[in-house]
Amino acid sequence: MSLSDYYLSQGGSSAAVAWGDLMYGNCMGNPMYTTGGVHSIGDGATCDSVAGNLSADVHYGIGAGKWYGFFFGIGASWRWPAQRLGGVQAAQPRAVFVGFDLGSVPSAVSVQILVTAPSGAQATYACSSSPCEVSVDDRQGSHLYRMNYLSQSGHMVAQSQSTLLD
């Protein structure tokens, strides 16, 4: 069972957190890169038998060993740091109003605004009057947007540069 699954099966108990930290620290912890209270093997080695997790060998730190997830049964151990802090935070949607001038683009009758989140997720908003309301998820940070100016037939007649959305 992976660390996260064990943690969830134990109801998020402090004992499950301590055990998960011990196991994760044995494989991922390196005292050169951790602070007090973070478990790691004292000599700087990790559970990788050939090289430390943060080594610069051609195998990106996994040496000749298995991927770290295999050490915990079904894998997915990369979830542990986020899971132990309560998992993914709930979305924090916020409305943002984007202004535009249809008169500045000949033949444009509407705008299609493409919003790209830092995660890479994209959403498209269609508007025929300014400003156009779009939604962003504040937990992710700064989003980008690009405007496509469309003709009556729906063909793109102009496109803006990608810009950070405030």
C-alpha atoms as a PDB file:
ATOM      1  CA  MET A   1       0.000   0.000   0.000  1.00  0.00           C
ATOM      2  CA  SER A   2       1.402   3.432  -0.812  1.00  0.00           C
ATOM      3  CA  LEU A   3       2.102   5.953   1.913  1.00  0.00           C
ATOM      4  CA  SER A   4      -0.887   8.088   0.968  1.00  0.00           C
ATOM      5  CA  ASP A   5      -3.256   5.135   0.914  1.00  0.00           C
ATOM      6  CA  TYR A   6      -1.978   3.946   4.294  1.00  0.00           C
ATOM      7  CA  TYR A   7      -2.394   7.456   5.701  1.00  0.00           C
ATOM      8  CA  LEU A   8      -5.984   7.647   4.445  1.00  0.00           C
ATOM      9  CA  SER A   9      -6.805   4.146   5.719  1.00  0.00           C
ATOM     10  CA  GLN A  10      -5.654   5.224   9.191  1.00  0.00           C
ATOM     11  CA  GLY A  11      -7.870   8.299   9.187  1.00  0.00           C
ATOM     12  CA  GLY A  12      -4.921  10.670   8.906  1.00  0.00           C
ATOM     13  CA  SER A  13      -3.651   9.764  12.382  1.00  0.00           C
ATOM     14  CA  SER A  14      -0.469  11.311  13.731  1.00  0.00           C
ATOM     15  CA  ALA A  15       1.055   7.816  13.918  1.00  0.00           C
ATOM     16  CA  ALA A  16       0.378   7.320  10.182  1.00  0.00           C
ATOM     17  CA  VAL A  17       1.994  10.691   9.428  1.00  0.00           C
ATOM     18  CA  ALA A  18       5.060   9.816  11.504  1.00  0.00           C
ATOM     19  CA  TRP A  19       5.416   6.413   9.821  1.00  0.00           C
ATOM     20  CA  GLY A  20       4.925   7.929   6.365  1.00  0.00           C
ATOM     21  CA  ASP A  21       7.525  10.607   7.061  1.00  0.00           C
ATOM     22  CA  LEU A  22       9.985   7.962   8.259  1.00  0.00           C
ATOM     23  CA  MET A  23       9.528   5.821   5.131  1.00  0.00           C
ATOM     24  CA  TYR A  24       9.524   8.762   2.743  1.00  0.00           C
ATOM     25  CA  GLY A  25      12.534  10.321   4.460  1.00  0.00           C
ATOM     26  CA  ASN A  26      14.477   7.057   4.230  1.00  0.00           C
ATOM     27  CA  CYS A  27      14.121   7.156   0.452  1.00  0.00           C
ATOM     28  CA  MET A  28      13.931  10.849  -0.350  1.00  0.00           C
ATOM     29  CA  GLY A  29      15.601  12.627   2.555  1.00  0.00           C
ATOM     30  CA  ASN A  30      19.106  13.984   2.230  1.00  0.00           C
ATOM     31  CA  PRO A  31      20.487  15.939   5.202  1.00  0.00           C
ATOM     32  CA  MET A  32      22.288  18.308   2.817  1.00  0.00           C
ATOM     33  CA  TYR A  33      18.904  19.575   1.595  1.00  0.00           C
ATOM     34  CA  THR A  34      16.560  19.214   4.576  1.00  0.00           C
ATOM     35  CA  THR A  35      15.998  21.158   7.770  1.00  0.00           C
ATOM     36  CA  GLY A  36      15.571  20.112  11.370  1.00  0.00           C
ATOM     37  CA  GLY A  37      12.808  17.615  11.992  1.00  0.00           C
ATOM     38  CA  VAL A  38      12.790  16.167   8.477  1.00  0.00           C
ATOM     39  CA  HIS A  39      13.795  12.517   8.612  1.00  0.00           C
ATOM     40  CA  SER A  40      16.700  11.325   6.510  1.00  0.00           C
ATOM     41  CA  ILE A  41      19.389   8.699   6.731  1.00  0.00           C
ATOM     42  CA  GLY A  42      22.246  10.313   8.637  1.00  0.00           C
ATOM     43  CA  ASP A  43      25.055   9.594   6.180  1.00  0.00           C
ATOM     44  CA  GLY A  44      23.359  11.348   3.231  1.00  0.00           C
ATOM     45  CA  ALA A  45      22.558   8.108   1.421  1.00  0.00           C
ATOM     46  CA  THR A  46      19.049   7.188   0.411  1.00  0.00           C
ATOM     47  CA  CYS A  47      17.310   3.887  -0.256  1.00  0.00           C
ATOM     48  CA  ASP A  48      18.807   3.916  -3.753  1.00  0.00           C
ATOM     49  CA  SER A  49      21.644   1.435  -3.426  1.00  0.00           C
ATOM     50  CA  VAL A  50      23.894   3.063  -6.036  1.00  0.00           C
ATOM     51  CA  ALA A  51      23.507   6.831  -5.718  1.00  0.00           C
ATOM     52  CA  GLY A  52      21.652   9.381  -3.643  1.00  0.00           C
ATOM     53  CA  ASN A  53      18.283  10.639  -4.806  1.00  0.00           C
ATOM     54  CA  LEU A  54      19.723  14.032  -5.682  1.00  0.00           C
ATOM     55  CA  SER A  55      22.789  12.788  -7.532  1.00  0.00           C
ATOM     56  CA  ALA A  56      23.494  13.935 -11.070  1.00  0.00           C
ATOM     57  CA  ASP A  57      24.080  10.516 -12.612  1.00  0.00           C
ATOM     58  CA  VAL A  58      22.539   9.642 -15.970  1.00  0.00           C
ATOM     59  CA  HIS A  59      19.606   7.902 -14.282  1.00  0.00           C
ATOM     60  CA  TYR A  60      18.474  11.130 -12.562  1.00  0.00           C
ATOM     61  CA  GLY A  61      19.217   9.860  -9.089  1.00  0.00           C
ATOM     62  CA  ILE A  62      17.657   6.421  -9.292  1.00  0.00           C
ATOM     63  CA  GLY A  63      20.925   4.662 -10.095  1.00  0.00           C
ATOM     64  CA  ALA A  64      20.432   0.976 -10.782  1.00  0.00           C
ATOM     65  CA  GLY A  65      17.553   0.673  -8.308  1.00  0.00           C
ATOM     66  CA  LYS A  66      13.810   0.660  -8.881  1.00  0.00           C
ATOM     67  CA  TRP A  67      11.668   3.783  -9.011  1.00  0.00           C
ATOM     68  CA  TYR A  68      10.961   4.920  -5.469  1.00  0.00           C
ATOM     69  CA  GLY A  69       7.260   4.145  -5.770  1.00  0.00           C
ATOM     70  CA  PHE A  70       8.070   0.436  -5.942  1.00  0.00           C
ATOM     71  CA  PHE A  71       9.426   0.546  -2.397  1.00  0.00           C
ATOM     72  CA  PHE A  72       5.911   1.230  -1.116  1.00  0.00           C
ATOM     73  CA  GLY A  73       3.947  -1.492  -2.893  1.00  0.00           C
ATOM     74  CA  ILE A  74       1.649   0.059  -5.456  1.00  0.00           C
ATOM     75  CA  GLY A  75       3.634   3.227  -5.907  1.00  0.00           C
ATOM     76  CA  ALA A  76       2.311   6.765  -6.121  1.00  0.00           C
ATOM     77  CA  SER A  77       4.611   7.763  -3.258  1.00  0.00           C
ATOM     78  CA  TRP A  78       5.181  11.096  -4.942  1.00  0.00           C
ATOM     79  CA  ARG A  79       1.769  12.031  -3.474  1.00  0.00           C
ATOM     80  CA  TRP A  80       3.011  11.805   0.095  1.00  0.00           C
ATOM     81  CA  PRO A  81       4.241  15.390   0.688  1.00  0.00           C
ATOM     82  CA  ALA A  82       0.933  16.860  -0.521  1.00  0.00           C
ATOM     83  CA  GLN A  83      -1.236  14.202   1.114  1.00  0.00           C
ATOM     84  CA  ARG A  84       0.298  14.664   4.549  1.00  0.00           C
ATOM     85  CA  LEU A  85      -0.593  18.356   4.366  1.00  0.00           C
ATOM     86  CA  GLY A  86      -4.235  17.607   3.622  1.00  0.00           C
ATOM     87  CA  GLY A  87      -4.216  16.954  -0.125  1.00  0.00           C
ATOM     88  CA  VAL A  88      -5.143  19.325  -2.891  1.00  0.00           C
ATOM     89  CA  GLN A  89      -6.646  22.602  -1.744  1.00  0.00           C
ATOM     90  CA  ALA A  90     -10.142  23.510  -2.859  1.00  0.00           C
ATOM     91  CA  ALA A  91     -10.323  25.767  -5.898  1.00  0.00           C
ATOM     92  CA  GLN A  92     -10.365  29.505  -5.183  1.00  0.00           C
ATOM     93  CA  PRO A  93     -12.292  30.921  -8.148  1.00  0.00           C
ATOM     94  CA  ARG A  94     -12.211  34.668  -8.769  1.00  0.00           C
ATOM     95  CA  ALA A  95     -13.964  36.687 -11.452  1.00  0.00           C
ATOM     96  CA  VAL A  96     -11.714  38.915 -13.556  1.00  0.00           C
ATOM     97  CA  PHE A  97     -12.997  41.422 -16.102  1.00  0.00           C
ATOM     98  CA  VAL A  98     -11.047  41.742 -19.362  1.00  0.00           C
ATOM     99  CA  GLY A  99     -11.624  44.850 -21.429  1.00  0.00           C
ATOM    100  CA  PHE A 100     -11.370  45.018 -25.214  1.00  0.00           C
ATOM    101  CA  ASP A 101     -12.302  47.330 -28.098  1.00  0.00           C
ATOM    102  CA  LEU A 102     -14.105  45.614 -30.977  1.00  0.00           C
ATOM    103  CA  GLY A 103     -13.942  48.858 -32.979  1.00  0.00           C
ATOM    104  CA  SER A 104     -10.151  48.609 -33.112  1.00  0.00           C
ATOM    105  CA  VAL A 105     -10.304  45.482 -35.289  1.00  0.00           C
ATOM    106  CA  PRO A 106     -12.117  45.781 -38.651  1.00  0.00           C
ATOM    107  CA  SER A 107     -14.831  43.124 -39.158  1.00  0.00           C
ATOM    108  CA  ALA A 108     -14.683  41.926 -35.528  1.00  0.00           C
ATOM    109  CA  VAL A 109     -18.061  41.353 -33.876  1.00  0.00           C
ATOM    110  CA  SER A 110     -16.997  39.271 -30.878  1.00  0.00           C
ATOM    111  CA  VAL A 111     -14.008  38.148 -28.885  1.00  0.00           C
ATOM    112  CA  GLN A 112     -13.019  34.686 -27.766  1.00  0.00           C
ATOM    113  CA  ILE A 113     -10.735  34.853 -24.712  1.00  0.00           C
ATOM    114  CA  LEU A 114      -8.523  31.848 -24.024  1.00  0.00           C
ATOM    115  CA  VAL A 115      -7.390  31.712 -20.372  1.00  0.00           C
ATOM    116  CA  THR A 116      -4.475  29.403 -19.519  1.00  0.00           C
ATOM    117  CA  ALA A 117      -3.833  28.437 -15.888  1.00  0.00           C
ATOM    118  CA  PRO A 118      -0.306  27.682 -14.611  1.00  0.00           C
ATOM    119  CA  SER A 119      -1.339  24.002 -14.587  1.00  0.00           C
ATOM    120  CA  GLY A 120      -1.862  24.186 -18.357  1.00  0.00           C
ATOM    121  CA  ALA A 121      -5.647  23.904 -18.100  1.00  0.00           C
ATOM    122  CA  GLN A 122      -7.430  26.179 -20.556  1.00  0.00           C
ATOM    123  CA  ALA A 123     -10.884  27.745 -20.617  1.00  0.00           C
ATOM    124  CA  THR A 124     -12.511  29.730 -23.414  1.00  0.00           C
ATOM    125  CA  TYR A 125     -14.946  32.625 -22.933  1.00  0.00           C
ATOM    126  CA  ALA A 126     -17.002  34.198 -25.727  1.00  0.00           C
ATOM    127  CA  CYS A 127     -18.034  37.841 -25.412  1.00  0.00           C
ATOM    128  CA  SER A 128     -19.590  40.443 -27.679  1.00  0.00           C
ATOM    129  CA  SER A 129     -19.371  43.378 -25.283  1.00  0.00           C
ATOM    130  CA  SER A 130     -16.619  44.705 -23.060  1.00  0.00           C
ATOM    131  CA  PRO A 131     -15.629  43.925 -20.375  1.00  0.00           C
ATOM    132  CA  CYS A 132     -15.747  40.143 -20.525  1.00  0.00           C
ATOM    133  CA  GLU A 133     -15.963  38.177 -17.282  1.00  0.00           C
ATOM    134  CA  VAL A 134     -13.541  35.252 -16.987  1.00  0.00           C
ATOM    135  CA  SER A 135     -12.725  33.027 -14.010  1.00  0.00           C
ATOM    136  CA  VAL A 136      -9.307  32.193 -12.544  1.00  0.00           C
ATOM    137  CA  ASP A 137      -8.234  29.867  -9.715  1.00  0.00           C
ATOM    138  CA  ASP A 138      -6.187  32.010  -7.329  1.00  0.00           C
ATOM    139  CA  ARG A 139      -4.488  29.020  -5.659  1.00  0.00           C
ATOM    140  CA  GLN A 140      -2.551  28.456  -8.907  1.00  0.00           C
ATOM    141  CA  GLY A 141      -1.066  31.938  -9.302  1.00  0.00           C
ATOM    142  CA  SER A 142      -0.902  34.087 -12.430  1.00  0.00           C
ATOM    143  CA  HIS A 143      -2.922  33.064 -15.481  1.00  0.00           C
ATOM    144  CA  LEU A 144      -2.353  34.044 -19.106  1.00  0.00           C
ATOM    145  CA  TYR A 145      -4.977  35.150 -21.593  1.00  0.00           C
ATOM    146  CA  ARG A 146      -5.135  35.685 -25.331  1.00  0.00           C
ATOM    147  CA  MET A 147      -7.954  37.301 -27.301  1.00  0.00           C
ATOM    148  CA  ASN A 148      -9.147  36.055 -30.667  1.00  0.00           C
ATOM    149  CA  TYR A 149     -11.238  38.641 -32.511  1.00  0.00           C
ATOM    150  CA  LEU A 150     -13.945  36.914 -34.553  1.00  0.00           C
ATOM    151  CA  SER A 151     -15.960  37.979 -37.604  1.00  0.00           C
ATOM    152  CA  GLN A 152     -19.726  37.534 -38.019  1.00  0.00           C
ATOM    153  CA  SER A 153     -19.046  34.114 -39.594  1.00  0.00           C
ATOM    154  CA  GLY A 154     -16.884  33.050 -36.645  1.00  0.00           C
ATOM    155  CA  HIS A 155     -13.537  33.302 -38.426  1.00  0.00           C
ATOM    156  CA  MET A 156     -10.614  34.798 -36.542  1.00  0.00           C
ATOM    157  CA  VAL A 157      -9.667  38.181 -37.969  1.00  0.00           C
ATOM    158  CA  ALA A 158      -7.016  39.149 -35.383  1.00  0.00           C
ATOM    159  CA  GLN A 159      -5.277  37.746 -32.331  1.00  0.00           C
ATOM    160  CA  SER A 160      -3.643  39.462 -29.359  1.00  0.00           C
ATOM    161  CA  GLN A 161      -0.380  38.520 -27.690  1.00  0.00           C
ATOM    162  CA  SER A 162      -0.590  36.305 -24.610  1.00  0.00           C
ATOM    163  CA  THR A 163      -0.701  38.547 -21.549  1.00  0.00           C
ATOM    164  CA  LEU A 164      -0.670  37.995 -17.781  1.00  0.00           C
ATOM    165  CA  LEU A 165      -4.117  38.280 -16.247  1.00  0.00           C
ATOM    166  CA  ASP A 166      -4.275  40.410 -13.090  1.00  0.00           C
END
